[in-house]
C-alpha cells in the first residue's frame, strides 16, 4: 500500500514539477530533517554513531538506493504508473536468482517458481499490449528496466550487508 501510494504521489508531483532529481533531493532532505527533528527536538528516536567498518558497504547500498530512486522517478516522468508496478513485480524473480548466486541460499521451491513465472508471464502480457511499447519499442522500457535491476541488486545486497556487517 505505502509503496504504491508513493508511486502515485510522485507521479502527481512530477506532473506539476517535472524535475526528478530536484524532487528526489527535496524528499531526501525532508526525510533527514524529519529524522533529526525527532532525535534532537523530541527525543523520540535514537541515532546510532557512525561505525566506520560499515561505511563502505552501506555507501554502496546508498548509491544503489539513490540510483534506484532516480530511475524510478525517470520512469514515472516518462511512463505510466502501471509500467512501474509491473517492473517492480518482476523484482522477486531476479532477487531469488541473486540470493542463490551471492548469498548461498536455496533455490525457490517448484511452487514458488510457478508463481514467479506467472508474474513474468503477466508482465510479458502487459508489454505485449502496452501502447507505449508499441510506439517506442524497447526504449520505452529503458528506465523501468534500470530500476528493476537496481532494486533487485539493492534487495540482495541489503540482505548481504545486514548479515555480514
Protein backbone atom coordinates (compact mmCIF):
# COMPACT_ATOMS: atom_id res chain seq x y z
CA UNK A 1 0.00 0.00 0.00
CA UNK A 2 2.66 2.53 1.03
CA UNK A 3 4.93 1.82 -1.92
CA UNK A 4 2.07 2.05 -4.41
CA UNK A 5 0.85 5.25 -2.80
CA UNK A 6 4.31 6.78 -3.04
CA UNK A 7 4.47 5.93 -6.74
CA UNK A 8 1.13 7.66 -7.33
CA UNK A 9 2.09 10.70 -5.25
CA UNK A 10 5.42 11.00 -7.05
CA UNK A 11 3.69 10.74 -10.42
CA UNK A 12 1.41 13.62 -9.43
CA UNK A 13 4.35 15.67 -8.15
CA UNK A 14 6.32 15.06 -11.36
CA UNK A 15 3.30 16.18 -13.37
CA UNK A 16 3.49 19.58 -11.65
CA UNK A 17 7.26 19.74 -11.13
CA UNK A 18 8.95 17.81 -13.98
CA UNK A 19 12.42 17.65 -12.42
CA UNK A 20 13.00 14.14 -11.00
CA UNK A 21 16.41 14.93 -9.47
CA UNK A 22 15.06 18.00 -7.68
CA UNK A 23 12.05 16.11 -6.35
CA UNK A 24 14.29 13.30 -5.02
CA UNK A 25 16.67 15.77 -3.41
CA UNK A 26 13.84 17.63 -1.68
CA UNK A 27 12.31 14.36 -0.45
CA UNK A 28 15.62 13.07 0.94
CA UNK A 29 16.36 16.39 2.67
CA UNK A 30 12.85 16.35 4.16
CA UNK A 31 13.47 12.83 5.48
CA UNK A 32 16.80 13.87 7.03
CA UNK A 33 15.20 16.93 8.62
CA UNK A 34 12.35 14.80 9.98
CA UNK A 35 14.70 12.20 11.49
CA UNK A 36 16.95 14.79 13.13
CA UNK A 37 13.92 16.70 14.40
CA UNK A 38 12.58 13.56 16.07
CA UNK A 39 16.01 12.97 17.60
CA UNK A 40 17.07 16.45 18.76
CA UNK A 41 13.76 18.22 19.34
CA UNK A 42 11.53 15.43 20.59
CA UNK A 43 13.96 12.79 21.79
CA UNK A 44 11.67 10.14 20.31
CA UNK A 45 14.31 8.23 18.35
CA UNK A 46 17.99 7.47 18.85
CA UNK A 47 20.54 7.90 16.11
CA UNK A 48 23.46 5.49 16.28
CA UNK A 49 27.01 6.74 15.96
CA UNK A 50 28.78 6.01 12.70
CA UNK A 51 30.55 2.64 12.66
CA UNK A 52 33.42 3.11 10.24
CA UNK A 53 33.64 -0.58 9.31
CA UNK A 54 30.13 -0.27 7.87
CA UNK A 55 30.63 2.95 5.92
CA UNK A 56 31.89 1.43 2.65
CA UNK A 57 29.31 -1.40 2.42
CA UNK A 58 26.45 0.93 3.30
CA UNK A 59 27.78 3.63 0.95
CA UNK A 60 27.46 1.20 -1.96
CA UNK A 61 23.93 0.36 -0.80
CA UNK A 62 23.10 4.07 -0.52
CA UNK A 63 24.39 4.72 -4.03
CA UNK A 64 22.32 1.81 -5.40
CA UNK A 65 19.27 3.07 -3.48
CA UNK A 66 19.72 6.61 -4.80
CA UNK A 67 20.18 5.43 -8.37
CA UNK A 68 17.12 3.21 -7.99
CA UNK A 69 15.05 6.16 -6.80
CA UNK A 70 16.35 8.25 -9.70
CA UNK A 71 15.45 5.51 -12.20
CA UNK A 72 12.03 5.20 -10.59
CA UNK A 73 11.44 8.95 -10.92
CA UNK A 74 12.69 8.99 -14.52
CA UNK A 75 10.38 6.06 -15.24
CA UNK A 76 7.46 7.89 -13.68
CA UNK A 77 8.17 11.01 -15.71
CA UNK A 78 8.27 9.06 -18.98
CA UNK A 79 5.95 6.08 -18.37
CA UNK A 80 2.68 5.35 -16.68
CA UNK A 81 2.28 4.02 -13.15
CA UNK A 82 1.18 0.59 -14.37
CA UNK A 83 4.52 0.08 -16.13
CA UNK A 84 6.43 0.84 -12.94
CA UNK A 85 4.29 -1.56 -10.93
CA UNK A 86 4.75 -4.34 -13.50
CA UNK A 87 8.53 -3.93 -13.48
CA UNK A 88 8.64 -3.79 -9.69
CA UNK A 89 6.62 -7.01 -9.59
CA UNK A 90 9.43 -8.74 -11.52
CA UNK A 91 12.00 -7.97 -8.79
CA UNK A 92 11.36 -11.15 -6.72
CA UNK A 93 12.30 -13.26 -9.75
CA UNK A 94 15.70 -11.58 -10.06
CA UNK A 95 16.24 -11.43 -6.30
CA UNK A 96 15.65 -15.17 -5.97
CA UNK A 97 18.43 -15.82 -8.51
CA UNK A 98 20.77 -13.30 -6.86
CA UNK A 99 20.09 -14.85 -3.44
CA UNK A 100 21.27 -18.23 -4.72
CA UNK A 101 24.26 -16.84 -6.62
CA UNK A 102 25.63 -14.48 -3.99
CA UNK A 103 24.12 -15.40 -0.62
CA UNK A 104 24.25 -19.18 -0.85
CA UNK A 105 20.51 -19.58 -0.35
CA UNK A 106 18.44 -22.43 -1.71
CA UNK A 107 16.56 -22.21 -4.98
CA UNK A 108 12.86 -21.44 -4.64
CA UNK A 109 10.51 -24.40 -4.49
CA UNK A 110 8.65 -25.60 -7.58
CA UNK A 111 5.51 -23.86 -6.34
CA UNK A 112 7.42 -20.60 -5.87
CA UNK A 113 8.94 -20.89 -9.36
CA UNK A 114 5.47 -21.34 -10.82
CA UNK A 115 4.28 -18.19 -9.04
CA UNK A 116 7.33 -16.24 -10.21
CA UNK A 117 6.86 -17.40 -13.80
CA UNK A 118 3.18 -16.49 -13.63
CA UNK A 119 4.22 -12.95 -12.65
CA UNK A 120 6.74 -12.88 -15.51
CA UNK A 121 4.09 -14.15 -17.94
CA UNK A 122 1.74 -11.40 -16.77
CA UNK A 123 4.49 -8.81 -17.29
CA UNK A 124 5.09 -10.14 -20.81
CA UNK A 125 1.35 -9.93 -21.48
CA UNK A 126 1.33 -6.33 -20.24
CA UNK A 127 4.26 -5.42 -22.51
CA UNK A 128 2.60 -7.06 -25.49
CA UNK A 129 -0.46 -4.86 -25.05
CA UNK A 130 1.22 -1.65 -23.89
CA UNK A 131 0.65 1.22 -26.34
CA UNK A 132 3.84 2.97 -25.24
CA UNK A 133 5.85 -0.16 -26.00
CA UNK A 134 4.18 -0.47 -29.40
CA UNK A 135 5.04 3.13 -30.32
CA UNK A 136 8.52 3.46 -28.74
CA UNK A 137 9.77 -0.13 -28.74
CA UNK A 138 12.35 -1.25 -26.18
CA UNK A 139 13.37 2.33 -25.35
CA UNK A 140 10.00 2.75 -23.63
CA UNK A 141 11.29 0.34 -21.00
CA UNK A 142 14.87 1.58 -20.56
CA UNK A 143 14.31 3.41 -17.25
CA UNK A 144 11.94 0.81 -15.80
CA UNK A 145 14.48 -1.91 -16.67
CA UNK A 146 17.30 0.02 -14.99
CA UNK A 147 15.01 0.48 -11.99
CA UNK A 148 14.30 -3.26 -11.88
CA UNK A 149 17.99 -4.19 -11.96
CA UNK A 150 18.94 -1.63 -9.33
CA UNK A 151 16.21 -2.54 -6.84
CA UNK A 152 16.95 -6.23 -7.32
CA UNK A 153 20.64 -5.62 -6.61
CA UNK A 154 19.71 -3.38 -3.69
CA UNK A 155 17.48 -6.05 -2.13
CA UNK A 156 20.05 -8.83 -2.45
CA UNK A 157 22.99 -6.65 -1.41
CA UNK A 158 21.00 -5.27 1.51
CA UNK A 159 20.46 -8.81 2.81
CA UNK A 160 24.18 -9.45 2.45
CA UNK A 161 25.33 -6.40 4.39
CA UNK A 162 22.77 -6.88 7.14
CA UNK A 163 24.06 -10.44 7.53
CA UNK A 164 27.78 -9.62 7.34
CA UNK A 165 28.27 -6.13 8.79
